[in-house]
Amino acid sequence: MAKKQAAPAARQDMSGIERLALRVSSMINHPVAQAQRWVTIHRLDTDGDREWDEVLGVIADTDELELTLNDDGSVTVRWEQQEVEPVGRGEVEFEPEEETAPF
């Protein structure tokens, strides 16, 4: 009895900008970076000029992020703790209806 093999899925290569954006995003979202509220991003040899400039432009245009260019060519991204109100913790005003007694 022969086993049927599934056709190999078509592989889609990521572009340089997608690869760099994914790397930067995962660095920013890392639990250590979230706890310290900053991360230093180093440019790799595989990061092209256009891709690097575009990703840095997006970071610089984001109001919540502060960008610092370091002497070694790396970039430090900092952000402030966001004030988040827990769901269901706000004060609810409750006014009981006044009903006349049935007797």
PDB file of N, CA and C in Angstrom:
ATOM      1  N   MET A   1       0.845  -1.160   0.000  1.00  0.00           N
ATOM      2  CA  MET A   1       0.000   0.000   0.000  1.00  0.00           C
ATOM      3  C   MET A   1       0.899   1.234   0.000  1.00  0.00           C
ATOM      4  N   ALA A   2       0.715   2.109  -0.962  1.00  0.00           N
ATOM      5  CA  ALA A   2       1.532   3.315  -1.099  1.00  0.00           C
ATOM      6  C   ALA A   2       0.868   4.478  -0.382  1.00  0.00           C
ATOM      7  N   LYS A   3       1.687   5.286   0.280  1.00  0.00           N
ATOM      8  CA  LYS A   3       1.169   6.473   0.963  1.00  0.00           C
ATOM      9  C   LYS A   3       1.139   7.629  -0.011  1.00  0.00           C
ATOM     10  N   LYS A   4       0.088   8.406   0.085  1.00  0.00           N
ATOM     11  CA  LYS A   4      -0.013   9.595  -0.751  1.00  0.00           C
ATOM     12  C   LYS A   4       0.758  10.726  -0.083  1.00  0.00           C
ATOM     13  N   GLN A   5       1.560  11.398  -0.861  1.00  0.00           N
ATOM     14  CA  GLN A   5       2.313  12.537  -0.327  1.00  0.00           C
ATOM     15  C   GLN A   5       1.614  13.823  -0.737  1.00  0.00           C
ATOM     16  N   ALA A   6       1.529  14.718   0.214  1.00  0.00           N
ATOM     17  CA  ALA A   6       0.910  16.014  -0.066  1.00  0.00           C
ATOM     18  C   ALA A   6       1.856  16.829  -0.938  1.00  0.00           C
ATOM     19  N   ALA A   7       1.276  17.596  -1.818  1.00  0.00           N
ATOM     20  CA  ALA A   7       2.088  18.463  -2.675  1.00  0.00           C
ATOM     21  C   ALA A   7       2.762  19.505  -1.796  1.00  0.00           C
ATOM     22  N   PRO A   8       4.044  19.769  -2.042  1.00  0.00           N
ATOM     23  CA  PRO A   8       4.732  20.765  -1.209  1.00  0.00           C
ATOM     24  C   PRO A   8       4.086  22.140  -1.382  1.00  0.00           C
ATOM     25  N   ALA A   9       3.908  22.820  -0.268  1.00  0.00           N
ATOM     26  CA  ALA A   9       3.301  24.148  -0.304  1.00  0.00           C
ATOM     27  C   ALA A   9       4.275  25.124  -0.959  1.00  0.00           C
ATOM     28  N   ALA A  10       3.714  26.060  -1.689  1.00  0.00           N
ATOM     29  CA  ALA A  10       4.550  27.066  -2.332  1.00  0.00           C
ATOM     30  C   ALA A  10       5.154  27.953  -1.254  1.00  0.00           C
ATOM     31  N   ARG A  11       6.463  28.087  -1.296  1.00  0.00           N
ATOM     32  CA  ARG A  11       7.163  28.869  -0.285  1.00  0.00           C
ATOM     33  C   ARG A  11       7.259  30.313  -0.747  1.00  0.00           C
ATOM     34  N   GLN A  12       6.851  31.201   0.147  1.00  0.00           N
ATOM     35  CA  GLN A  12       6.951  32.619  -0.169  1.00  0.00           C
ATOM     36  C   GLN A  12       8.085  33.211   0.654  1.00  0.00           C
ATOM     37  N   ASP A  13       9.057  33.777  -0.038  1.00  0.00           N
ATOM     38  CA  ASP A  13      10.165  34.416   0.659  1.00  0.00           C
ATOM     39  C   ASP A  13       9.737  35.800   1.112  1.00  0.00           C
ATOM     40  N   MET A  14      10.210  36.163   2.295  1.00  0.00           N
ATOM     41  CA  MET A  14       9.897  37.492   2.813  1.00  0.00           C
ATOM     42  C   MET A  14      10.853  38.496   2.196  1.00  0.00           C
ATOM     43  N   SER A  15      10.349  39.697   1.996  1.00  0.00           N
ATOM     44  CA  SER A  15      11.216  40.754   1.484  1.00  0.00           C
ATOM     45  C   SER A  15      12.110  41.242   2.618  1.00  0.00           C
ATOM     46  N   GLY A  16      13.115  42.004   2.270  1.00  0.00           N
ATOM     47  CA  GLY A  16      14.039  42.533   3.271  1.00  0.00           C
ATOM     48  C   GLY A  16      13.340  43.419   4.290  1.00  0.00           C
ATOM     49  N   ILE A  17      12.392  44.222   3.826  1.00  0.00           N
ATOM     50  CA  ILE A  17      11.666  45.114   4.737  1.00  0.00           C
ATOM     51  C   ILE A  17      10.786  44.317   5.687  1.00  0.00           C
ATOM     52  N   GLU A  18      10.154  43.252   5.183  1.00  0.00           N
ATOM     53  CA  GLU A  18       9.315  42.411   6.039  1.00  0.00           C
ATOM     54  C   GLU A  18      10.157  41.694   7.085  1.00  0.00           C
ATOM     55  N   ARG A  19      11.298  41.210   6.691  1.00  0.00           N
ATOM     56  CA  ARG A  19      12.181  40.496   7.609  1.00  0.00           C
ATOM     57  C   ARG A  19      12.694  41.432   8.713  1.00  0.00           C
ATOM     58  N   LEU A  20      13.120  42.631   8.319  1.00  0.00           N
ATOM     59  CA  LEU A  20      13.614  43.605   9.287  1.00  0.00           C
ATOM     60  C   LEU A  20      12.493  44.075  10.214  1.00  0.00           C
ATOM     61  N   ALA A  21      11.319  44.349   9.656  1.00  0.00           N
ATOM     62  CA  ALA A  21      10.183  44.791  10.478  1.00  0.00           C
ATOM     63  C   ALA A  21       9.781  43.715  11.481  1.00  0.00           C
ATOM     64  N   LEU A  22       9.816  42.469  11.064  1.00  0.00           N
ATOM     65  CA  LEU A  22       9.484  41.369  11.970  1.00  0.00           C
ATOM     66  C   LEU A  22      10.525  41.252  13.084  1.00  0.00           C
ATOM     67  N   ARG A  23      11.792  41.410  12.737  1.00  0.00           N
ATOM     68  CA  ARG A  23      12.854  41.331  13.747  1.00  0.00           C
ATOM     69  C   ARG A  23      12.723  42.466  14.761  1.00  0.00           C
ATOM     70  N   VAL A  24      12.507  43.685  14.275  1.00  0.00           N
ATOM     71  CA  VAL A  24      12.371  44.842  15.164  1.00  0.00           C
ATOM     72  C   VAL A  24      11.124  44.696  16.032  1.00  0.00           C
ATOM     73  N   SER A  25      10.034  44.263  15.448  1.00  0.00           N
ATOM     74  CA  SER A  25       8.795  44.076  16.200  1.00  0.00           C
ATOM     75  C   SER A  25       8.960  43.044  17.308  1.00  0.00           C
ATOM     76  N   SER A  26       9.621  41.939  16.999  1.00  0.00           N
ATOM     77  CA  SER A  26       9.811  40.913  18.026  1.00  0.00           C
ATOM     78  C   SER A  26      10.756  41.398  19.118  1.00  0.00           C
ATOM     79  N   MET A  27      11.726  42.239  18.774  1.00  0.00           N
ATOM     80  CA  MET A  27      12.618  42.794  19.789  1.00  0.00           C
ATOM     81  C   MET A  27      11.857  43.745  20.713  1.00  0.00           C
ATOM     82  N   ILE A  28      11.007  44.597  20.144  1.00  0.00           N
ATOM     83  CA  ILE A  28      10.227  45.536  20.945  1.00  0.00           C
ATOM     84  C   ILE A  28       9.217  44.801  21.818  1.00  0.00           C
ATOM     85  N   ASN A  29       8.632  43.733  21.313  1.00  0.00           N
ATOM     86  CA  ASN A  29       7.614  42.994  22.059  1.00  0.00           C
ATOM     87  C   ASN A  29       8.180  41.957  23.018  1.00  0.00           C
ATOM     88  N   HIS A  30       9.484  41.805  23.062  1.00  0.00           N
ATOM     89  CA  HIS A  30      10.102  40.835  23.968  1.00  0.00           C
ATOM     90  C   HIS A  30       9.803  41.221  25.419  1.00  0.00           C
ATOM     91  N   PRO A  31       9.525  40.246  26.289  1.00  0.00           N
ATOM     92  CA  PRO A  31       9.176  40.559  27.687  1.00  0.00           C
ATOM     93  C   PRO A  31      10.225  41.398  28.422  1.00  0.00           C
ATOM     94  N   VAL A  32      11.504  41.171  28.163  1.00  0.00           N
ATOM     95  CA  VAL A  32      12.545  41.966  28.832  1.00  0.00           C
ATOM     96  C   VAL A  32      12.468  43.423  28.361  1.00  0.00           C
ATOM     97  N   ALA A  33      12.316  43.631  27.057  1.00  0.00           N
ATOM     98  CA  ALA A  33      12.210  44.992  26.530  1.00  0.00           C
ATOM     99  C   ALA A  33      10.953  45.669  27.066  1.00  0.00           C
ATOM    100  N   GLN A  34       9.865  44.935  27.180  1.00  0.00           N
ATOM    101  CA  GLN A  34       8.630  45.509  27.711  1.00  0.00           C
ATOM    102  C   GLN A  34       8.795  45.908  29.171  1.00  0.00           C
ATOM    103  N   ALA A  35       9.535  45.124  29.938  1.00  0.00           N
ATOM    104  CA  ALA A  35       9.743  45.430  31.356  1.00  0.00           C
ATOM    105  C   ALA A  35      10.635  46.662  31.520  1.00  0.00           C
ATOM    106  N   GLN A  36      11.687  46.781  30.706  1.00  0.00           N
ATOM    107  CA  GLN A  36      12.607  47.911  30.843  1.00  0.00           C
ATOM    108  C   GLN A  36      12.179  49.110  30.009  1.00  0.00           C
ATOM    109  N   ARG A  37      11.239  48.916  29.079  1.00  0.00           N
ATOM    110  CA  ARG A  37      10.682  49.942  28.204  1.00  0.00           C
ATOM    111  C   ARG A  37      11.717  50.594  27.287  1.00  0.00           C
ATOM    112  N   TRP A  38      12.678  49.802  26.841  1.00  0.00           N
ATOM    113  CA  TRP A  38      13.631  50.233  25.819  1.00  0.00           C
ATOM    114  C   TRP A  38      14.294  49.009  25.197  1.00  0.00           C
ATOM    115  N   VAL A  39      14.815  49.200  24.001  1.00  0.00           N
ATOM    116  CA  VAL A  39      15.528  48.140  23.308  1.00  0.00           C
ATOM    117  C   VAL A  39      16.529  48.792  22.351  1.00  0.00           C
ATOM    118  N   THR A  40      17.680  48.155  22.183  1.00  0.00           N
ATOM    119  CA  THR A  40      18.681  48.632  21.230  1.00  0.00           C
ATOM    120  C   THR A  40      18.675  47.702  20.023  1.00  0.00           C
ATOM    121  N   ILE A  41      18.537  48.301  18.859  1.00  0.00           N
ATOM    122  CA  ILE A  41      18.460  47.550  17.612  1.00  0.00           C
ATOM    123  C   ILE A  41      19.765  47.759  16.840  1.00  0.00           C
ATOM    124  N   HIS A  42      20.408  46.668  16.480  1.00  0.00           N
ATOM    125  CA  HIS A  42      21.640  46.725  15.706  1.00  0.00           C
ATOM    126  C   HIS A  42      21.338  46.378  14.257  1.00  0.00           C
ATOM    127  N   ARG A  43      21.951  47.102  13.362  1.00  0.00           N
ATOM    128  CA  ARG A  43      21.775  46.832  11.940  1.00  0.00           C
ATOM    129  C   ARG A  43      22.644  45.649  11.552  1.00  0.00           C
ATOM    130  N   LEU A  44      22.042  44.678  10.869  1.00  0.00           N
ATOM    131  CA  LEU A  44      22.772  43.504  10.399  1.00  0.00           C
ATOM    132  C   LEU A  44      23.324  43.768   8.995  1.00  0.00           C
ATOM    133  N   ASP A  45      24.285  42.964   8.596  1.00  0.00           N
ATOM    134  CA  ASP A  45      24.856  43.086   7.252  1.00  0.00           C
ATOM    135  C   ASP A  45      23.813  42.837   6.170  1.00  0.00           C
ATOM    136  N   THR A  46      22.787  42.068   6.497  1.00  0.00           N
ATOM    137  CA  THR A  46      21.748  41.736   5.523  1.00  0.00           C
ATOM    138  C   THR A  46      20.675  42.810   5.405  1.00  0.00           C
ATOM    139  N   ASP A  47      20.719  43.829   6.280  1.00  0.00           N
ATOM    140  CA  ASP A  47      19.736  44.916   6.233  1.00  0.00           C
ATOM    141  C   ASP A  47      20.193  45.973   5.229  1.00  0.00           C
ATOM    142  N   GLY A  48      19.393  46.148   4.192  1.00  0.00           N
ATOM    143  CA  GLY A  48      19.727  47.143   3.172  1.00  0.00           C
ATOM    144  C   GLY A  48      19.475  48.565   3.659  1.00  0.00           C
ATOM    145  N   ASP A  49      20.089  49.532   2.963  1.00  0.00           N
ATOM    146  CA  ASP A  49      19.928  50.945   3.332  1.00  0.00           C
ATOM    147  C   ASP A  49      18.464  51.373   3.271  1.00  0.00           C
ATOM    148  N   ARG A  50      17.792  51.015   2.186  1.00  0.00           N
ATOM    149  CA  ARG A  50      16.399  51.422   1.998  1.00  0.00           C
ATOM    150  C   ARG A  50      15.511  50.840   3.084  1.00  0.00           C
ATOM    151  N   GLU A  51      15.694  49.553   3.388  1.00  0.00           N
ATOM    152  CA  GLU A  51      14.882  48.882   4.409  1.00  0.00           C
ATOM    153  C   GLU A  51      15.129  49.496   5.787  1.00  0.00           C
ATOM    154  N   TRP A  52      16.412  49.710   6.111  1.00  0.00           N
ATOM    155  CA  TRP A  52      16.784  50.266   7.410  1.00  0.00           C
ATOM    156  C   TRP A  52      16.172  51.665   7.581  1.00  0.00           C
ATOM    157  N   ASP A  53      16.309  52.511   6.550  1.00  0.00           N
ATOM    158  CA  ASP A  53      15.772  53.869   6.620  1.00  0.00           C
ATOM    159  C   ASP A  53      14.254  53.868   6.739  1.00  0.00           C
ATOM    160  N   GLU A  54      13.595  52.958   6.032  1.00  0.00           N
ATOM    161  CA  GLU A  54      12.132  52.903   6.077  1.00  0.00           C
ATOM    162  C   GLU A  54      11.626  52.473   7.453  1.00  0.00           C
ATOM    163  N   VAL A  55      12.244  51.461   8.034  1.00  0.00           N
ATOM    164  CA  VAL A  55      11.818  50.997   9.361  1.00  0.00           C
ATOM    165  C   VAL A  55      12.091  52.074  10.414  1.00  0.00           C
ATOM    166  N   LEU A  56      13.257  52.718  10.346  1.00  0.00           N
ATOM    167  CA  LEU A  56      13.554  53.797  11.291  1.00  0.00           C
ATOM    168  C   LEU A  56      12.594  54.968  11.115  1.00  0.00           C
ATOM    169  N   GLY A  57      12.190  55.223   9.883  1.00  0.00           N
ATOM    170  CA  GLY A  57      11.211  56.284   9.624  1.00  0.00           C
ATOM    171  C   GLY A  57       9.869  55.996  10.268  1.00  0.00           C
ATOM    172  N   VAL A  58       9.444  54.750  10.186  1.00  0.00           N
ATOM    173  CA  VAL A  58       8.172  54.365  10.811  1.00  0.00           C
ATOM    174  C   VAL A  58       8.270  54.506  12.333  1.00  0.00           C
ATOM    175  N   ILE A  59       9.398  54.074  12.897  1.00  0.00           N
ATOM    176  CA  ILE A  59       9.581  54.199  14.350  1.00  0.00           C
ATOM    177  C   ILE A  59       9.605  55.670  14.753  1.00  0.00           C
ATOM    178  N   ALA A  60      10.321  56.499  14.000  1.00  0.00           N
ATOM    179  CA  ALA A  60      10.423  57.925  14.317  1.00  0.00           C
ATOM    180  C   ALA A  60       9.079  58.623  14.211  1.00  0.00           C
ATOM    181  N   ASP A  61       8.217  58.178  13.298  1.00  0.00           N
ATOM    182  CA  ASP A  61       6.897  58.791  13.113  1.00  0.00           C
ATOM    183  C   ASP A  61       5.873  58.335  14.143  1.00  0.00           C
ATOM    184  N   THR A  62       6.204  57.337  14.943  1.00  0.00           N
ATOM    185  CA  THR A  62       5.280  56.837  15.957  1.00  0.00           C
ATOM    186  C   THR A  62       5.426  57.692  17.209  1.00  0.00           C
ATOM    187  N   ASP A  63       4.334  58.368  17.604  1.00  0.00           N
ATOM    188  CA  ASP A  63       4.371  59.326  18.704  1.00  0.00           C
ATOM    189  C   ASP A  63       4.844  58.731  20.018  1.00  0.00           C
ATOM    190  N   GLU A  64       4.480  57.497  20.306  1.00  0.00           N
ATOM    191  CA  GLU A  64       4.781  56.884  21.597  1.00  0.00           C
ATOM    192  C   GLU A  64       6.225  56.411  21.722  1.00  0.00           C
ATOM    193  N   LEU A  65       6.968  56.412  20.619  1.00  0.00           N
ATOM    194  CA  LEU A  65       8.336  55.893  20.629  1.00  0.00           C
ATOM    195  C   LEU A  65       9.351  57.015  20.487  1.00  0.00           C
ATOM    196  N   GLU A  66      10.456  56.921  21.244  1.00  0.00           N
ATOM    197  CA  GLU A  66      11.554  57.879  21.162  1.00  0.00           C
ATOM    198  C   GLU A  66      12.763  57.157  20.576  1.00  0.00           C
ATOM    199  N   LEU A  67      13.364  57.735  19.572  1.00  0.00           N
ATOM    200  CA  LEU A  67      14.455  57.119  18.837  1.00  0.00           C
ATOM    201  C   LEU A  67      15.760  57.838  19.150  1.00  0.00           C
ATOM    202  N   THR A  68      16.796  57.079  19.516  1.00  0.00           N
ATOM    203  CA  THR A  68      18.126  57.645  19.776  1.00  0.00           C
ATOM    204  C   THR A  68      19.133  56.919  18.897  1.00  0.00           C
ATOM    205  N   LEU A  69      19.838  57.692  18.047  1.00  0.00           N
ATOM    206  CA  LEU A  69      20.880  57.112  17.193  1.00  0.00           C
ATOM    207  C   LEU A  69      22.170  57.048  17.996  1.00  0.00           C
ATOM    208  N   ASN A  70      22.755  55.872  18.115  1.00  0.00           N
ATOM    209  CA  ASN A  70      23.971  55.669  18.890  1.00  0.00           C
ATOM    210  C   ASN A  70      25.204  55.802  18.001  1.00  0.00           C
ATOM    211  N   ASP A  71      26.365  56.050  18.629  1.00  0.00           N
ATOM    212  CA  ASP A  71      27.619  56.242  17.887  1.00  0.00           C
ATOM    213  C   ASP A  71      28.044  55.009  17.098  1.00  0.00           C
ATOM    214  N   ASP A  72      27.663  53.831  17.577  1.00  0.00           N
ATOM    215  CA  ASP A  72      28.078  52.592  16.901  1.00  0.00           C
ATOM    216  C   ASP A  72      27.151  52.190  15.756  1.00  0.00           C
ATOM    217  N   GLY A  73      26.191  53.043  15.422  1.00  0.00           N
ATOM    218  CA  GLY A  73      25.273  52.750  14.329  1.00  0.00           C
ATOM    219  C   GLY A  73      23.985  52.073  14.766  1.00  0.00           C
ATOM    220  N   SER A  74      23.918  51.656  16.024  1.00  0.00           N
ATOM    221  CA  SER A  74      22.693  51.044  16.530  1.00  0.00           C
ATOM    222  C   SER A  74      21.674  52.135  16.881  1.00  0.00           C
ATOM    223  N   VAL A  75      20.472  51.723  17.163  1.00  0.00           N
ATOM    224  CA  VAL A  75      19.393  52.643  17.495  1.00  0.00           C
ATOM    225  C   VAL A  75      18.736  52.156  18.773  1.00  0.00           C
ATOM    226  N   THR A  76      18.508  53.062  19.714  1.00  0.00           N
ATOM    227  CA  THR A  76      17.796  52.713  20.943  1.00  0.00           C
ATOM    228  C   THR A  76      16.397  53.291  20.857  1.00  0.00           C
ATOM    229  N   VAL A  77      15.421  52.430  21.078  1.00  0.00           N
ATOM    230  CA  VAL A  77      14.012  52.828  21.053  1.00  0.00           C
ATOM    231  C   VAL A  77      13.507  52.785  22.488  1.00  0.00           C
ATOM    232  N   ARG A  78      12.900  53.891  22.933  1.00  0.00           N
ATOM    233  CA  ARG A  78      12.349  53.976  24.290  1.00  0.00           C
ATOM    234  C   ARG A  78      10.877  54.358  24.209  1.00  0.00           C
ATOM    235  N   TRP A  79      10.132  53.938  25.225  1.00  0.00           N
ATOM    236  CA  TRP A  79       8.723  54.294  25.311  1.00  0.00           C
ATOM    237  C   TRP A  79       8.325  54.369  26.775  1.00  0.00           C
ATOM    238  N   GLU A  80       7.258  55.102  27.032  1.00  0.00           N
ATOM    239  CA  GLU A  80       6.744  55.265  28.396  1.00  0.00           C
ATOM    240  C   GLU A  80       5.695  54.206  28.675  1.00  0.00           C
ATOM    241  N   GLN A  81       5.496  53.956  29.945  1.00  0.00           N
ATOM    242  CA  GLN A  81       4.448  53.014  30.362  1.00  0.00           C
ATOM    243  C   GLN A  81       3.101  53.614  29.998  1.00  0.00           C
ATOM    244  N   GLN A  82       2.285  52.847  29.341  1.00  0.00           N
ATOM    245  CA  GLN A  82       0.966  53.321  28.958  1.00  0.00           C
ATOM    246  C   GLN A  82      -0.009  53.124  30.111  1.00  0.00           C
ATOM    247  N   GLU A  83      -0.822  54.131  30.354  1.00  0.00           N
ATOM    248  CA  GLU A  83      -1.845  54.033  31.391  1.00  0.00           C
ATOM    249  C   GLU A  83      -3.017  53.249  30.821  1.00  0.00           C
ATOM    250  N   VAL A  84      -3.256  52.103  31.411  1.00  0.00           N
ATOM    251  CA  VAL A  84      -4.357  51.257  30.958  1.00  0.00           C
ATOM    252  C   VAL A  84      -5.297  51.051  32.130  1.00  0.00           C
ATOM    253  N   GLU A  85      -6.563  51.399  31.924  1.00  0.00           N
ATOM    254  CA  GLU A  85      -7.548  51.209  32.979  1.00  0.00           C
ATOM    255  C   GLU A  85      -8.091  49.792  32.881  1.00  0.00           C
ATOM    256  N   PRO A  86      -7.989  49.036  33.974  1.00  0.00           N
ATOM    257  CA  PRO A  86      -8.496  47.663  33.935  1.00  0.00           C
ATOM    258  C   PRO A  86      -9.997  47.644  33.634  1.00  0.00           C
ATOM    259  N   VAL A  87     -10.397  46.683  32.856  1.00  0.00           N
ATOM    260  CA  VAL A  87     -11.805  46.548  32.497  1.00  0.00           C
ATOM    261  C   VAL A  87     -12.603  46.189  33.734  1.00  0.00           C
ATOM    262  N   GLY A  88     -13.724  46.876  33.913  1.00  0.00           N
ATOM    263  CA  GLY A  88     -14.618  46.559  35.027  1.00  0.00           C
ATOM    264  C   GLY A  88     -14.197  47.180  36.340  1.00  0.00           C
ATOM    265  N   ARG A  89     -13.158  48.000  36.343  1.00  0.00           N
ATOM    266  CA  ARG A  89     -12.683  48.615  37.590  1.00  0.00           C
ATOM    267  C   ARG A  89     -13.186  50.047  37.756  1.00  0.00           C
ATOM    268  N   GLY A  90     -13.818  50.595  36.734  1.00  0.00           N
ATOM    269  CA  GLY A  90     -14.315  51.963  36.830  1.00  0.00           C
ATOM    270  C   GLY A  90     -15.508  52.032  37.773  1.00  0.00           C
ATOM    271  N   GLU A  91     -15.778  53.244  38.265  1.00  0.00           N
ATOM    272  CA  GLU A  91     -16.903  53.399  39.172  1.00  0.00           C
ATOM    273  C   GLU A  91     -18.196  53.417  38.366  1.00  0.00           C
ATOM    274  N   VAL A  92     -19.143  52.673  38.843  1.00  0.00           N
ATOM    275  CA  VAL A  92     -20.444  52.609  38.189  1.00  0.00           C
ATOM    276  C   VAL A  92     -21.440  53.315  39.087  1.00  0.00           C
ATOM    277  N   GLU A  93     -22.114  54.266  38.494  1.00  0.00           N
ATOM    278  CA  GLU A  93     -23.132  54.952  39.277  1.00  0.00           C
ATOM    279  C   GLU A  93     -24.402  54.131  39.225  1.00  0.00           C
ATOM    280  N   PHE A  94     -24.937  53.862  40.390  1.00  0.00           N
ATOM    281  CA  PHE A  94     -26.154  53.066  40.474  1.00  0.00           C
ATOM    282  C   PHE A  94     -27.152  53.839  41.312  1.00  0.00           C
ATOM    283  N   GLU A  95     -28.258  54.154  40.674  1.00  0.00           N
ATOM    284  CA  GLU A  95     -29.322  54.851  41.396  1.00  0.00           C
ATOM    285  C   GLU A  95     -30.507  53.899  41.511  1.00  0.00           C
ATOM    286  N   PRO A  96     -30.792  53.438  42.735  1.00  0.00           N
ATOM    287  CA  PRO A  96     -31.935  52.526  42.894  1.00  0.00           C
ATOM    288  C   PRO A  96     -33.246  53.243  42.589  1.00  0.00           C
ATOM    289  N   GLU A  97     -34.132  52.518  41.932  1.00  0.00           N
ATOM    290  CA  GLU A  97     -35.439  53.084  41.636  1.00  0.00           C
ATOM    291  C   GLU A  97     -36.247  53.109  42.917  1.00  0.00           C
ATOM    292  N   GLU A  98     -36.942  54.218  43.098  1.00  0.00           N
ATOM    293  CA  GLU A  98     -37.799  54.301  44.263  1.00  0.00           C
ATOM    294  C   GLU A  98     -39.172  53.800  43.863  1.00  0.00           C
ATOM    295  N   GLU A  99     -39.595  52.759  44.533  1.00  0.00           N
ATOM    296  CA  GLU A  99     -40.909  52.199  44.269  1.00  0.00           C
ATOM    297  C   GLU A  99     -41.781  52.379  45.499  1.00  0.00           C
ATOM    298  N   THR A 100     -43.042  52.529  45.274  1.00  0.00           N
ATOM    299  CA  THR A 100     -43.944  52.618  46.414  1.00  0.00           C
ATOM    300  C   THR A 100     -44.197  51.214  46.953  1.00  0.00           C
ATOM    301  N   ALA A 101     -44.336  51.150  48.211  1.00  0.00           N
ATOM    302  CA  ALA A 101     -44.587  49.835  48.836  1.00  0.00           C
ATOM    303  C   ALA A 101     -45.954  49.327  48.400  1.00  0.00           C
ATOM    304  N   PRO A 102     -46.068  48.022  48.128  1.00  0.00           N
ATOM    305  CA  PRO A 102     -47.335  47.466  47.650  1.00  0.00           C
ATOM    306  C   PRO A 102     -48.378  47.340  48.748  1.00  0.00           C
ATOM    307  N   PHE A 103     -48.133  47.748  49.976  1.00  0.00           N
ATOM    308  CA  PHE A 103     -49.142  47.621  51.029  1.00  0.00           C
ATOM    309  C   PHE A 103     -49.588  48.938  51.563  1.00  0.00           C
TER     310      PHE A 103
END
